Amino acid sequence: SYFVAVAEELHFGRAAAKVRIAQPALSNHVQALERELGCALFIRSTRRVELTRAGEIFHERCVGILSEVDLSAEITRAVAGKTIRQIRIGTVYPATTGVLPAFLAKIARKYPDIRIHISSGNTGDIIRGLENG
């Protein structure tokens, strides 16, 4: 999921904050993954981070696998009689620092059994996320 965070944020600092890990540790994880795979997943410059073609393919596969893991967990909980409700929210970057955090804190206090997933990005990313489920 560290790789997915960087691939979605295209920024190591924001990705590190998203997964609650120090940025140097996140960079080390990604570099170790690239060594293990034997290819670069990102093109890095001082101002931007982009996915390589291999990174794009790996990201697509990882997102699918992680979705399957989440679905498997939900099905298992449902079979065990422990249905967990969830809300998925897609937001553009400015909203993540505006009213959204206070709203989410209020929801979490009122409905502690609800799992909230937040994806942030540009408008195109959010629309693609909605289209892809």
Protein backbone atom coordinates (compact mmCIF):
# COMPACT_ATOMS: atom_id res chain seq x y z
CA SER A 1 0.00 0.00 0.00
CA TYR A 2 3.02 2.33 0.33
CA PHE A 3 3.60 2.10 -3.40
CA VAL A 4 -0.09 2.75 -4.10
CA ALA A 5 -0.05 5.85 -1.90
CA VAL A 6 2.91 7.32 -3.81
CA ALA A 7 1.36 6.35 -7.15
CA GLU A 8 -1.90 8.07 -6.24
CA GLU A 9 -0.41 11.18 -4.66
CA LEU A 10 2.57 11.50 -7.05
CA HIS A 11 4.31 13.16 -4.11
CA PHE A 12 6.38 11.36 -1.48
CA GLY A 13 5.59 13.84 1.30
CA ARG A 14 1.80 13.67 0.86
CA ALA A 15 1.94 9.90 0.42
CA ALA A 16 3.96 9.54 3.63
CA ALA A 17 1.39 11.60 5.52
CA LYS A 18 -1.43 9.53 4.03
CA VAL A 19 0.04 6.22 5.23
CA ARG A 20 1.42 7.71 8.45
CA ILE A 21 5.08 6.95 7.88
CA ALA A 22 8.15 9.19 7.71
CA GLN A 23 8.99 10.31 4.17
CA PRO A 24 12.56 8.87 4.21
CA ALA A 25 11.21 5.49 5.34
CA LEU A 26 8.61 5.57 2.55
CA SER A 27 11.32 6.38 0.00
CA ASN A 28 13.38 3.45 1.29
CA HIS A 29 10.39 1.08 0.94
CA VAL A 30 9.76 2.19 -2.64
CA GLN A 31 13.45 1.88 -3.55
CA ALA A 32 13.55 -1.63 -2.06
CA LEU A 33 10.47 -2.57 -4.09
CA GLU A 34 12.09 -1.22 -7.26
CA ARG A 35 15.24 -3.25 -6.54
CA GLU A 36 13.14 -6.37 -5.92
CA LEU A 37 11.24 -5.89 -9.19
CA GLY A 38 14.36 -4.94 -11.10
CA CYS A 39 12.87 -1.81 -12.63
CA ALA A 40 12.02 1.80 -11.86
CA LEU A 41 8.40 2.44 -10.94
CA PHE A 42 8.73 6.22 -10.79
CA ILE A 43 10.52 8.97 -12.66
CA ARG A 44 11.73 11.37 -9.99
CA SER A 45 12.86 14.94 -10.40
CA THR A 46 13.31 17.73 -7.90
CA ARG A 47 9.84 19.05 -8.68
CA ARG A 48 7.72 16.06 -9.63
CA VAL A 49 7.15 12.34 -9.45
CA GLU A 50 5.65 10.39 -12.36
CA LEU A 51 4.86 6.73 -12.89
CA THR A 52 6.89 4.83 -15.46
CA ARG A 53 4.96 2.52 -17.78
CA ALA A 54 5.96 -0.38 -15.51
CA GLY A 55 4.75 1.68 -12.55
CA GLU A 56 1.38 2.29 -14.21
CA ILE A 57 0.86 -1.42 -14.82
CA PHE A 58 2.02 -2.34 -11.31
CA HIS A 59 -0.32 0.30 -9.83
CA GLU A 60 -3.33 -1.04 -11.73
CA ARG A 61 -2.60 -4.57 -10.51
CA CYS A 62 -2.00 -3.47 -6.91
CA VAL A 63 -5.25 -1.50 -6.75
CA GLY A 64 -7.16 -4.53 -8.00
CA ILE A 65 -5.50 -6.83 -5.49
CA LEU A 66 -6.08 -4.44 -2.58
CA SER A 67 -9.75 -4.10 -3.57
CA GLU A 68 -10.09 -7.88 -3.56
CA VAL A 69 -8.48 -8.08 -0.11
CA ASP A 70 -10.92 -5.45 1.22
CA LEU A 71 -13.87 -7.27 -0.34
CA SER A 72 -12.71 -10.60 1.09
CA ALA A 73 -12.50 -9.08 4.56
CA GLU A 74 -15.99 -7.58 4.25
CA ILE A 75 -17.46 -10.88 3.06
CA THR A 76 -15.77 -12.74 5.91
CA ARG A 77 -17.13 -10.26 8.47
CA ALA A 78 -20.61 -10.51 6.96
CA VAL A 79 -20.53 -14.31 7.12
CA ALA A 80 -19.45 -14.06 10.76
CA GLY A 81 -22.37 -11.70 11.43
CA LYS A 82 -20.15 -8.66 11.86
CA THR A 83 -21.21 -6.46 8.98
CA ILE A 84 -19.11 -3.32 8.78
CA ARG A 85 -20.60 -0.35 6.99
CA GLN A 86 -18.27 1.80 4.99
CA ILE A 87 -18.24 5.12 3.23
CA ARG A 88 -15.87 5.98 0.40
CA ILE A 89 -15.18 9.65 -0.17
CA GLY A 90 -13.35 11.14 -3.13
CA THR A 91 -12.14 14.70 -2.68
CA VAL A 92 -9.90 17.25 -4.34
CA TYR A 93 -6.83 18.32 -2.35
CA PRO A 94 -8.11 21.63 -0.89
CA ALA A 95 -11.07 19.88 0.76
CA THR A 96 -8.76 17.58 2.72
CA THR A 97 -7.62 20.54 4.80
CA GLY A 98 -10.92 22.45 4.96
CA VAL A 99 -14.17 21.31 6.54
CA LEU A 100 -13.71 17.61 5.74
CA PRO A 101 -11.52 16.67 8.76
CA ALA A 102 -14.00 18.17 11.26
CA PHE A 103 -16.92 16.51 9.47
CA LEU A 104 -15.18 13.11 9.49
CA ALA A 105 -14.33 13.41 13.18
CA LYS A 106 -17.99 14.11 13.95
CA ILE A 107 -19.12 11.10 11.87
CA ALA A 108 -16.53 8.84 13.53
CA ARG A 109 -17.75 9.83 17.00
CA LYS A 110 -21.40 9.33 16.13
CA TYR A 111 -20.94 6.10 14.13
CA PRO A 112 -17.81 4.32 15.43
CA ASP A 113 -18.55 1.13 13.43
CA ILE A 114 -18.42 2.90 10.09
CA ARG A 115 -15.18 2.58 8.17
CA ILE A 116 -14.33 5.66 6.13
CA HIS A 117 -11.99 5.52 3.11
CA ILE A 118 -10.76 8.80 1.65
CA SER A 119 -9.13 9.24 -1.75
CA SER A 120 -7.84 12.63 -2.72
CA GLY A 121 -6.61 13.83 -6.07
CA ASN A 122 -7.49 16.06 -8.94
CA THR A 123 -10.97 16.05 -10.42
CA GLY A 124 -10.00 13.63 -13.20
CA ASP A 125 -8.61 11.14 -10.67
CA ILE A 126 -11.80 11.30 -8.62
CA ILE A 127 -14.01 10.78 -11.68
CA ARG A 128 -11.90 7.80 -12.81
CA GLY A 129 -12.15 6.37 -9.30
CA LEU A 130 -15.94 6.63 -9.40
CA GLU A 131 -16.06 5.02 -12.83
CA ASN A 132 -13.82 2.15 -11.69
CA GLY A 133 -15.74 1.53 -8.47
